[in-house]
C-alpha atoms as a PDB file:
ATOM      1  CA  MET A   1      15.546 -29.719 -21.329  1.00  0.00           C
ATOM      2  CA  ILE A   2      14.036 -27.076 -19.016  1.00  0.00           C
ATOM      3  CA  PRO A   3      16.077 -26.409 -15.853  1.00  0.00           C
ATOM      4  CA  ARG A   4      14.162 -27.587 -12.793  1.00  0.00           C
ATOM      5  CA  ASN A   5      14.139 -24.205 -11.004  1.00  0.00           C
ATOM      6  CA  GLU A   6      12.325 -22.613 -13.940  1.00  0.00           C
ATOM      7  CA  ILE A   7       9.525 -25.146 -13.530  1.00  0.00           C
ATOM      8  CA  HIS A   8       9.292 -24.423  -9.795  1.00  0.00           C
ATOM      9  CA  LEU A   9       9.187 -20.688 -10.365  1.00  0.00           C
ATOM     10  CA  GLY A  10       6.390 -21.200 -12.865  1.00  0.00           C
ATOM     11  CA  ARG A  11       4.381 -23.342 -10.467  1.00  0.00           C
ATOM     12  CA  HIS A  12       4.710 -20.776  -7.679  1.00  0.00           C
ATOM     13  CA  LEU A  13       3.699 -17.934  -9.991  1.00  0.00           C
ATOM     14  CA  ARG A  14       0.715 -19.888 -11.312  1.00  0.00           C
ATOM     15  CA  ASP A  15      -0.441 -20.810  -7.799  1.00  0.00           C
ATOM     16  CA  TRP A  16      -0.111 -17.182  -6.657  1.00  0.00           C
ATOM     17  CA  ARG A  17      -1.959 -15.905  -9.738  1.00  0.00           C
ATOM     18  CA  LEU A  18      -4.840 -18.326  -9.255  1.00  0.00           C
ATOM     19  CA  ARG A  19      -5.133 -17.461  -5.538  1.00  0.00           C
ATOM     20  CA  GLN A  20      -5.394 -13.814  -6.579  1.00  0.00           C
ATOM     21  CA  GLY A  21      -8.110 -14.664  -9.106  1.00  0.00           C
ATOM     22  CA  LEU A  22      -6.027 -13.288 -11.981  1.00  0.00           C
ATOM     23  CA  SER A  23      -5.648 -14.457 -15.552  1.00  0.00           C
ATOM     24  CA  GLN A  24      -2.155 -14.569 -17.037  1.00  0.00           C
ATOM     25  CA  GLU A  25      -3.026 -11.339 -18.798  1.00  0.00           C
ATOM     26  CA  GLY A  26      -4.159  -9.700 -15.557  1.00  0.00           C
ATOM     27  CA  ALA A  27      -1.045 -10.762 -13.653  1.00  0.00           C
ATOM     28  CA  ALA A  28       1.171  -9.612 -16.512  1.00  0.00           C
ATOM     29  CA  ARG A  29      -0.590  -6.253 -16.702  1.00  0.00           C
ATOM     30  CA  LYS A  30      -0.171  -5.785 -12.950  1.00  0.00           C
ATOM     31  CA  LEU A  31       3.588  -6.340 -13.326  1.00  0.00           C
ATOM     32  CA  GLY A  32       3.894  -4.395 -16.585  1.00  0.00           C
ATOM     33  CA  VAL A  33       4.923  -7.231 -18.890  1.00  0.00           C
ATOM     34  CA  ALA A  34       3.289  -8.956 -21.850  1.00  0.00           C
ATOM     35  CA  ALA A  35       0.912 -11.847 -21.164  1.00  0.00           C
ATOM     36  CA  SER A  36       3.136 -14.061 -23.318  1.00  0.00           C
ATOM     37  CA  THR A  37       6.088 -13.231 -21.039  1.00  0.00           C
ATOM     38  CA  TRP A  38       4.123 -14.290 -17.962  1.00  0.00           C
ATOM     39  CA  GLY A  39       3.047 -17.441 -19.782  1.00  0.00           C
ATOM     40  CA  HIS A  40       6.664 -18.309 -20.606  1.00  0.00           C
ATOM     41  CA  TRP A  41       7.556 -17.984 -16.917  1.00  0.00           C
ATOM     42  CA  GLU A  42       4.697 -20.247 -15.851  1.00  0.00           C
ATOM     43  CA  THR A  43       5.615 -22.940 -18.373  1.00  0.00           C
ATOM     44  CA  GLY A  44       9.295 -22.729 -17.481  1.00  0.00           C
ATOM     45  CA  ALA A  45      10.301 -21.680 -20.987  1.00  0.00           C
ATOM     46  CA  ARG A  46      12.067 -18.591 -19.629  1.00  0.00           C
ATOM     47  CA  LEU A  47      13.209 -16.991 -16.391  1.00  0.00           C
ATOM     48  CA  PRO A  48      12.514 -13.357 -15.490  1.00  0.00           C
ATOM     49  CA  THR A  49      15.390 -10.910 -15.607  1.00  0.00           C
ATOM     50  CA  PRO A  50      16.893 -10.029 -12.227  1.00  0.00           C
ATOM     51  CA  ARG A  51      14.997  -6.707 -12.221  1.00  0.00           C
ATOM     52  CA  LEU A  52      11.686  -8.444 -12.940  1.00  0.00           C
ATOM     53  CA  LEU A  53      12.438 -11.118 -10.355  1.00  0.00           C
ATOM     54  CA  LEU A  54      12.737  -8.350  -7.752  1.00  0.00           C
ATOM     55  CA  LEU A  55       9.432  -6.874  -8.927  1.00  0.00           C
ATOM     56  CA  LEU A  56       7.828 -10.327  -8.705  1.00  0.00           C
ATOM     57  CA  ARG A  57       9.088 -10.606  -5.146  1.00  0.00           C
ATOM     58  CA  GLU A  58       7.451  -7.298  -4.291  1.00  0.00           C
ATOM     59  CA  MET A  59       4.214  -8.108  -6.095  1.00  0.00           C
ATOM     60  CA  THR A  60       3.735 -11.641  -4.755  1.00  0.00           C
ATOM     61  CA  GLY A  61       5.231 -11.126  -1.316  1.00  0.00           C
ATOM     62  CA  MET A  62       7.280 -14.311  -1.757  1.00  0.00           C
ATOM     63  CA  SER A  63      11.031 -14.383  -1.267  1.00  0.00           C
ATOM     64  CA  ILE A  64      13.183 -15.083  -4.316  1.00  0.00           C
ATOM     65  CA  GLY A  65      14.550 -18.162  -2.574  1.00  0.00           C
ATOM     66  CA  TYR A  66      11.030 -19.502  -2.148  1.00  0.00           C
ATOM     67  CA  LEU A  67      10.036 -18.655  -5.724  1.00  0.00           C
ATOM     68  CA  MET A  68      12.950 -20.760  -6.968  1.00  0.00           C
ATOM     69  CA  CYS A  69      12.644 -23.531  -4.359  1.00  0.00           C
ATOM     70  CA  GLU A  70      11.859 -27.056  -5.503  1.00  0.00           C
ATOM     71  CA  ASN A  71      10.066 -28.265  -2.389  1.00  0.00           C
ATOM     72  CA  SER A  72       7.583 -25.577  -1.379  1.00  0.00           C
ATOM     73  CA  GLU A  73       6.197 -27.611   1.511  1.00  0.00           C
ATOM     74  CA  ASN A  74       9.575 -28.048   3.213  1.00  0.00           C
ATOM     75  CA  CYS A  75      11.465 -25.099   1.750  1.00  0.00           C
ATOM     76  CA  SER A  76      14.122 -23.675   4.035  1.00  0.00           C
ATOM     77  CA  HIS A  77      13.639 -20.243   2.465  1.00  0.00           C
ATOM     78  CA  GLN A  78      11.232 -17.769   3.960  1.00  0.00           C
ATOM     79  CA  ARG A  79       8.006 -18.250   2.010  1.00  0.00           C
ATOM     80  CA  GLN A  80       6.365 -14.928   2.618  1.00  0.00           C
ATOM     81  CA  LEU A  81       7.912 -11.519   2.995  1.00  0.00           C
ATOM     82  CA  ASP A  82       4.481 -10.114   3.775  1.00  0.00           C
ATOM     83  CA  PRO A  83       1.645 -12.493   4.696  1.00  0.00           C
ATOM     84  CA  TYR A  84      -0.884 -10.158   3.033  1.00  0.00           C
ATOM     85  CA  PRO A  85       0.725  -8.732  -0.114  1.00  0.00           C
ATOM     86  CA  GLU A  86      -1.345  -6.156  -1.984  1.00  0.00           C
END
């Protein structure tokens, strides 16, 4: 069974990637990981390491709490660190 927070992380990463107009390969390249690694995160098969989670936070502009949050619409965590991440 896949832990629920892995699924939520994957959904947030997928939504961010699609809003950026990136493929899994493009998002992975931007972060410096293999496309298969990014794909595992999106499907919830794996979680990023703490170091990569921090890099994801910087790249997406989303707080770690938000990335892991189940209810993105009513999440008590700050959604965006920067409303216009590069």
